[in-house]
Amino acid sequence: MAEDRRPSAIGQALLAISDQWTLLILQRAFLMRTRRFADWRDELGMSESVLANRLKELVAGDLLRPAPYREQGRTRTEYLLTERALELWPLLVEIWSWERSWVPRRRGLPELIHDACGRRTDVELGCAACDRAPVTARDTETLRGSATFAQVAVPRHHRRTVRDDVERDPLSYFPETFELLGDRWSTVMLAATFLGVRRFADFQSELGMAPSVLSDRLRRFTELGVLSAGESDGGRPRYLLTDKGLAFFGVFAFIVDWAQRWYAGPPGTDLLITHRACGRPFRPYLRCLSCGTPLNRTEVRFALGDGQAATTAASRPLASGDGRFPFSDR
């Protein structure tokens, strides 16, 4: 019985990363090689208590690994990305790409540079099973187990927070992204739409959401332009994914892929995404839009405008003195 009450693999993954501060801590670890408490605190403007709590959770979840170092004769602790965390890099890039296309902002996003071809570029989603790209939500079919939704929307460890200074931080993810990712009901509701759930009653019965919570999320998604509400034959609204919502499929696919490779859930709780063109399970990967080759995490970096590097690995000394490139930091 205890085994049956475990969250699904996707539920465990959402519990681990579906939080604004957690994603920003991981993002800074990837892009800025941030490893130390004071650096995260100063770069993100976090309170020390919130930061300490998130670092503790990231260590417990095997996403960061504490490592001692010496400074001014004292032993201190820095935090290195684990192998499990390193495999999140395409998810972070895919979030950037979606925001670039769909979220207006006063300051431009950092530019993605593909070192292999030397160009500033964007990405497209491909299927690693057949090496075909681009792949969209319409090119796939998603099937769920009998209990997929039963243990996905697991309770959070802490209250949801919303960062209010994102315009001053060119690296920060935008509130629209966290409306879809930073809430335990939102992401699973988005997953349900990719599985064909369309009506209020169906969302409620499939997900077990309280009517007030469901109404709030449907309103938010409609206001964000992720869902559109139209009438069905019975006169009740049907909620359909817009082009903006469908474009979030890449983020969804990487979450599902990462979750089911790193977490084990009870029987019947998996999702299977199939690429219709090849008939095989969909294995997402990112391809450079400029040169058409698959991206490797050691060959991509971000740069801000005006010649300012978002990835400071080449311009600032590393805590442990190694020479690793962006997205390969441990």
Protein backbone atom coordinates (compact mmCIF):
# COMPACT_ATOMS: atom_id res chain seq x y z
CA MET A 1 0.00 0.00 0.00
CA ALA A 2 2.83 2.42 0.82
CA GLU A 3 4.27 1.73 -2.64
CA ASP A 4 0.90 2.49 -4.25
CA ARG A 5 0.74 5.88 -2.55
CA ARG A 6 4.01 7.04 -4.11
CA PRO A 7 3.61 9.86 -6.60
CA SER A 8 4.00 8.97 -10.25
CA ALA A 9 7.38 9.62 -11.86
CA ILE A 10 6.01 12.85 -13.30
CA GLY A 11 4.58 13.82 -9.92
CA GLN A 12 7.97 13.30 -8.29
CA ALA A 13 9.67 15.36 -11.00
CA LEU A 14 7.20 18.21 -10.63
CA LEU A 15 7.70 18.16 -6.88
CA ALA A 16 11.47 18.40 -7.44
CA ILE A 17 11.62 21.22 -10.01
CA SER A 18 8.20 22.82 -10.46
CA ASP A 19 9.00 25.88 -8.36
CA GLN A 20 10.13 29.33 -9.40
CA TRP A 21 13.11 29.61 -7.06
CA THR A 22 14.24 26.05 -7.71
CA LEU A 23 14.32 26.55 -11.47
CA LEU A 24 16.17 29.85 -11.10
CA ILE A 25 18.76 28.28 -8.76
CA LEU A 26 19.37 25.51 -11.29
CA GLN A 27 19.44 27.97 -14.17
CA ARG A 28 22.11 30.07 -12.46
CA ALA A 29 24.11 26.94 -11.71
CA PHE A 30 24.06 26.09 -15.42
CA LEU A 31 24.52 29.52 -16.97
CA MET A 32 26.54 31.47 -14.42
CA ARG A 33 28.31 28.57 -12.72
CA THR A 34 26.83 29.78 -9.46
CA ARG A 35 27.87 27.39 -6.72
CA ARG A 36 27.87 29.32 -3.50
CA PHE A 37 25.13 30.45 -1.15
CA ALA A 38 26.05 34.14 -1.16
CA ASP A 39 26.20 34.26 -4.97
CA TRP A 40 22.69 32.83 -5.38
CA ARG A 41 21.39 35.13 -2.68
CA ASP A 42 22.86 38.23 -4.32
CA GLU A 43 22.11 37.32 -7.95
CA LEU A 44 18.49 36.31 -7.34
CA GLY A 45 17.61 38.62 -4.45
CA MET A 46 16.40 35.68 -2.36
CA SER A 47 15.99 35.69 1.37
CA GLU A 48 18.52 33.51 3.13
CA SER A 49 15.82 31.33 4.69
CA VAL A 50 14.14 30.60 1.33
CA LEU A 51 17.48 29.91 -0.33
CA ALA A 52 18.61 27.60 2.47
CA ASN A 53 15.32 25.69 2.19
CA ARG A 54 15.58 25.26 -1.58
CA LEU A 55 19.23 24.18 -1.44
CA LYS A 56 18.33 21.59 1.19
CA GLU A 57 15.57 20.25 -1.07
CA LEU A 58 17.85 20.19 -4.12
CA VAL A 59 20.47 18.22 -2.22
CA ALA A 60 17.85 15.79 -0.87
CA GLY A 61 16.50 15.38 -4.40
CA ASP A 62 19.95 14.55 -5.81
CA LEU A 63 20.01 17.67 -8.02
CA LEU A 64 22.86 19.41 -6.19
CA ARG A 65 25.82 17.83 -4.45
CA PRO A 66 27.52 19.68 -1.56
CA ALA A 67 31.30 19.86 -1.86
CA PRO A 68 33.75 21.43 0.60
CA TYR A 69 36.29 24.06 -0.44
CA ARG A 70 38.84 26.17 1.40
CA GLU A 71 38.73 29.94 1.50
CA GLN A 72 40.83 32.17 3.75
CA GLY A 73 41.76 29.23 5.89
CA ARG A 74 38.16 28.14 6.45
CA THR A 75 36.24 25.16 5.05
CA ARG A 76 33.06 26.19 3.27
CA THR A 77 30.47 24.44 1.10
CA GLU A 78 29.67 24.90 -2.56
CA TYR A 79 26.99 23.04 -4.52
CA LEU A 80 27.65 21.18 -7.77
CA LEU A 81 25.13 19.93 -10.30
CA THR A 82 24.57 16.17 -10.27
CA GLU A 83 24.14 13.99 -13.34
CA ARG A 84 20.38 14.04 -12.76
CA ALA A 85 20.38 17.83 -12.81
CA LEU A 86 22.70 18.10 -15.81
CA GLU A 87 20.16 16.25 -17.91
CA LEU A 88 17.70 19.11 -17.36
CA TRP A 89 19.67 21.42 -19.68
CA PRO A 90 17.43 20.90 -22.78
CA LEU A 91 14.36 21.70 -20.68
CA LEU A 92 15.88 25.05 -19.69
CA VAL A 93 16.76 25.84 -23.31
CA GLU A 94 13.29 24.86 -24.49
CA ILE A 95 11.71 27.18 -21.89
CA TRP A 96 13.94 29.99 -23.23
CA SER A 97 12.84 29.25 -26.80
CA TRP A 98 9.14 29.25 -25.88
CA GLU A 99 9.46 32.56 -24.03
CA ARG A 100 11.40 34.03 -26.96
CA SER A 101 8.51 33.24 -29.32
CA TRP A 102 5.46 33.77 -27.14
CA VAL A 103 6.14 36.05 -24.16
CA PRO A 104 6.57 39.77 -24.86
CA ARG A 105 9.04 41.60 -22.61
CA ARG A 106 10.58 45.03 -22.55
CA ARG A 107 14.12 43.68 -22.43
CA GLY A 108 15.20 41.06 -24.91
CA LEU A 109 16.17 37.58 -23.85
CA PRO A 110 19.81 36.49 -24.01
CA GLU A 111 20.90 35.14 -27.38
CA LEU A 112 21.66 31.43 -27.73
CA ILE A 113 25.03 30.79 -29.36
CA HIS A 114 25.85 27.40 -30.87
CA ASP A 115 29.61 27.09 -30.70
CA ALA A 116 29.67 24.24 -33.22
CA CYS A 117 28.48 26.53 -36.02
CA GLY A 118 29.34 29.86 -34.38
CA ARG A 119 25.88 31.36 -34.94
CA ARG A 120 23.25 33.00 -32.79
CA THR A 121 20.32 30.70 -33.22
CA ASP A 122 17.08 29.22 -31.94
CA VAL A 123 16.15 25.56 -31.50
CA GLU A 124 13.63 23.13 -32.85
CA LEU A 125 12.32 19.95 -31.29
CA GLY A 126 13.26 16.64 -32.87
CA CYS A 127 12.73 12.91 -32.38
CA ALA A 128 15.94 11.10 -31.44
CA ALA A 129 14.41 7.75 -32.40
CA CYS A 130 14.23 8.67 -36.11
CA ASP A 131 16.30 11.88 -36.21
CA ARG A 132 13.41 13.84 -37.72
CA ALA A 133 12.74 17.50 -36.92
CA PRO A 134 10.81 19.60 -36.33
CA VAL A 135 8.28 17.67 -34.27
CA THR A 136 5.18 19.39 -32.89
CA ALA A 137 2.42 18.27 -30.57
CA ARG A 138 0.29 17.46 -33.62
CA ASP A 139 2.93 14.98 -34.79
CA THR A 140 2.62 12.88 -31.64
CA GLU A 141 0.12 10.79 -29.76
CA THR A 142 0.12 10.67 -25.97
CA LEU A 143 -1.36 7.74 -24.05
CA ARG A 144 -1.67 7.44 -20.32
CA GLY A 145 -1.80 4.59 -17.89
CA SER A 146 -4.91 3.78 -15.91
CA ALA A 147 -3.69 5.77 -12.88
CA THR A 148 -1.54 8.47 -14.50
CA PHE A 149 -3.37 11.42 -12.99
CA ALA A 150 -4.08 9.86 -9.63
CA GLN A 151 -0.65 10.67 -8.21
CA VAL A 152 0.68 13.54 -10.32
CA ALA A 153 -0.55 16.66 -8.53
CA VAL A 154 1.26 15.99 -5.27
CA PRO A 155 1.21 18.61 -2.48
CA ARG A 156 4.08 21.09 -2.46
CA HIS A 157 6.63 21.36 0.33
CA HIS A 158 6.19 25.13 0.60
CA ARG A 159 4.03 28.03 -0.46
CA ARG A 160 4.17 29.20 -4.04
CA THR A 161 6.03 32.48 -4.47
CA VAL A 162 6.04 34.94 -7.35
CA ARG A 163 9.09 37.02 -8.16
CA ASP A 164 8.12 40.61 -8.95
CA ASP A 165 11.34 42.02 -10.44
CA VAL A 166 11.74 39.90 -13.56
CA GLU A 167 12.07 42.88 -15.91
CA ARG A 168 15.29 43.89 -14.16
CA ASP A 169 16.75 40.42 -14.57
CA PRO A 170 17.27 39.42 -18.24
CA LEU A 171 17.83 35.79 -17.25
CA SER A 172 14.67 35.39 -15.18
CA TYR A 173 11.84 33.25 -16.45
CA PHE A 174 8.64 35.21 -16.88
CA PRO A 175 5.46 34.92 -14.78
CA GLU A 176 3.66 33.31 -17.73
CA THR A 177 6.09 30.40 -17.60
CA PHE A 178 5.50 29.93 -13.89
CA GLU A 179 1.76 30.02 -14.40
CA LEU A 180 2.29 26.82 -16.40
CA LEU A 181 5.15 25.25 -14.44
CA GLY A 182 5.23 26.71 -10.95
CA ASP A 183 1.98 25.31 -9.67
CA ARG A 184 1.20 21.69 -8.89
CA TRP A 185 -2.20 21.78 -10.63
CA SER A 186 -1.24 23.87 -13.65
CA THR A 187 1.30 21.49 -15.19
CA VAL A 188 -0.86 18.42 -14.75
CA MET A 189 -3.82 20.32 -16.21
CA LEU A 190 -1.69 21.22 -19.21
CA ALA A 191 -0.73 17.55 -19.53
CA ALA A 192 -4.42 16.65 -19.54
CA THR A 193 -5.06 19.03 -22.44
CA PHE A 194 -2.32 17.32 -24.47
CA LEU A 195 -4.13 14.06 -23.71
CA GLY A 196 -7.38 15.41 -25.12
CA VAL A 197 -9.27 16.46 -21.99
CA ARG A 198 -11.48 19.38 -23.03
CA ARG A 199 -14.49 19.91 -20.74
CA PHE A 200 -14.77 21.20 -17.17
CA ALA A 201 -16.42 18.03 -15.91
CA ASP A 202 -13.75 15.87 -17.54
CA PHE A 203 -10.91 17.88 -16.00
CA GLN A 204 -12.59 17.56 -12.62
CA SER A 205 -13.20 13.82 -12.84
CA GLU A 206 -9.80 13.00 -14.31
CA LEU A 207 -7.71 15.20 -12.02
CA GLY A 208 -9.80 15.33 -8.86
CA MET A 209 -9.54 19.12 -8.71
CA ALA A 210 -11.85 21.24 -6.58
CA PRO A 211 -14.25 23.23 -8.79
CA SER A 212 -12.91 26.55 -7.51
CA VAL A 213 -9.29 25.59 -8.23
CA LEU A 214 -10.19 24.26 -11.68
CA SER A 215 -12.15 27.41 -12.55
CA ASP A 216 -9.22 29.57 -11.50
CA ARG A 217 -6.70 27.63 -13.61
CA LEU A 218 -8.95 27.59 -16.67
CA ARG A 219 -9.43 31.35 -16.33
CA ARG A 220 -5.67 31.92 -16.00
CA PHE A 221 -4.86 29.74 -18.99
CA THR A 222 -7.50 31.47 -21.11
CA GLU A 223 -6.24 34.93 -20.13
CA LEU A 224 -2.67 33.87 -20.98
CA GLY A 225 -3.82 32.74 -24.42
CA VAL A 226 -2.77 29.14 -23.77
CA LEU A 227 -6.35 27.83 -23.96
CA SER A 228 -9.36 29.11 -25.85
CA ALA A 229 -12.92 28.46 -24.74
CA GLY A 230 -15.50 27.46 -27.32
CA GLU A 231 -18.93 25.89 -27.04
CA SER A 232 -19.46 22.19 -27.63
CA ASP A 233 -22.62 20.65 -29.05
CA GLY A 234 -24.18 20.61 -25.58
CA GLY A 235 -23.57 24.32 -25.04
CA ARG A 236 -20.86 23.79 -22.43
CA PRO A 237 -17.38 25.24 -22.99
CA ARG A 238 -14.65 23.15 -24.58
CA TYR A 239 -11.12 24.26 -23.79
CA LEU A 240 -8.69 23.85 -26.67
CA LEU A 241 -4.98 24.49 -26.80
CA THR A 242 -4.06 27.56 -28.82
CA ASP A 243 -0.92 27.76 -30.94
CA LYS A 244 0.79 29.27 -27.90
CA GLY A 245 -0.32 26.36 -25.75
CA LEU A 246 0.65 23.78 -28.35
CA ALA A 247 4.10 25.37 -28.57
CA PHE A 248 4.65 24.48 -24.90
CA PHE A 249 4.64 20.82 -25.92
CA GLY A 250 8.45 20.72 -26.03
CA VAL A 251 8.66 21.70 -22.36
CA PHE A 252 6.05 19.09 -21.51
CA ALA A 253 7.88 16.42 -23.52
CA PHE A 254 11.23 17.08 -21.83
CA ILE A 255 9.62 16.98 -18.37
CA VAL A 256 7.97 13.63 -19.15
CA ASP A 257 11.16 12.20 -20.66
CA TRP A 258 13.38 13.34 -17.78
CA ALA A 259 10.89 12.26 -15.13
CA GLN A 260 10.46 8.74 -16.45
CA ARG A 261 14.19 8.18 -16.83
CA TRP A 262 15.07 9.33 -13.31
CA TYR A 263 12.05 8.44 -11.17
CA ALA A 264 10.02 5.27 -10.70
CA GLY A 265 6.30 5.52 -10.08
CA PRO A 266 3.65 2.94 -9.23
CA PRO A 267 2.31 0.72 -12.05
CA GLY A 268 -0.14 2.40 -14.40
CA THR A 269 1.11 5.96 -13.83
CA ASP A 270 3.37 6.44 -16.86
CA LEU A 271 2.76 8.50 -19.98
CA LEU A 272 3.73 7.22 -23.42
CA ILE A 273 4.36 9.80 -26.14
CA THR A 274 4.59 8.24 -29.61
CA HIS A 275 5.99 9.96 -32.70
CA ARG A 276 3.46 9.15 -35.41
CA ALA A 277 5.98 9.44 -38.27
CA CYS A 278 8.18 6.61 -37.01
CA GLY A 279 5.75 4.84 -34.69
CA ARG A 280 8.31 4.70 -31.88
CA PRO A 281 8.34 6.23 -28.39
CA PHE A 282 9.16 9.90 -28.72
CA ARG A 283 12.62 10.77 -27.43
CA PRO A 284 12.92 14.55 -27.56
CA TYR A 285 16.11 16.34 -28.51
CA LEU A 286 17.00 19.88 -29.60
CA ARG A 287 18.41 20.77 -32.99
CA CYS A 288 20.13 24.00 -33.99
CA LEU A 289 17.83 25.99 -36.26
CA SER A 290 20.82 27.48 -38.08
CA CYS A 291 22.93 24.43 -38.95
CA GLY A 292 20.47 21.59 -38.35
CA THR A 293 22.73 19.56 -36.07
CA PRO A 294 21.75 18.20 -32.63
CA LEU A 295 22.75 20.43 -29.74
CA ASN A 296 25.23 19.23 -27.17
CA ARG A 297 25.19 20.88 -23.79
CA THR A 298 28.94 21.60 -23.98
CA GLU A 299 28.49 23.55 -27.22
CA VAL A 300 25.78 26.06 -26.31
CA ARG A 301 25.88 29.25 -24.29
CA PHE A 302 23.88 32.43 -23.84
CA ALA A 303 24.95 36.03 -24.35
CA LEU A 304 23.20 39.26 -23.41
CA GLY A 305 23.03 42.32 -25.63
CA ASP A 306 25.73 44.99 -25.73
CA GLY A 307 28.44 42.34 -25.68
CA GLN A 308 27.66 41.28 -22.10
CA ALA A 309 27.92 37.55 -21.54
CA ALA A 310 25.12 35.80 -19.71
CA THR A 311 27.41 32.86 -19.30
CA THR A 312 30.36 34.10 -17.36
CA ALA A 313 32.36 30.89 -17.43
CA ALA A 314 34.83 32.36 -19.89
CA SER A 315 35.20 35.65 -18.06
CA ARG A 316 35.15 34.80 -14.38
CA PRO A 317 37.28 32.33 -12.41
CA LEU A 318 35.62 29.10 -11.31
CA ALA A 319 35.47 28.13 -7.68
CA SER A 320 37.34 24.90 -8.28
CA GLY A 321 39.55 26.15 -11.08
CA ASP A 322 38.31 23.82 -13.82
CA GLY A 323 37.64 24.80 -17.41
CA ARG A 324 34.24 23.34 -18.16
CA PHE A 325 31.91 25.02 -20.60
CA PRO A 326 28.31 26.18 -20.00
CA PHE A 327 25.76 23.42 -19.40
CA SER A 328 28.48 20.95 -18.46
CA ASP A 329 29.30 22.31 -15.02
CA ARG A 330 29.31 19.80 -12.17
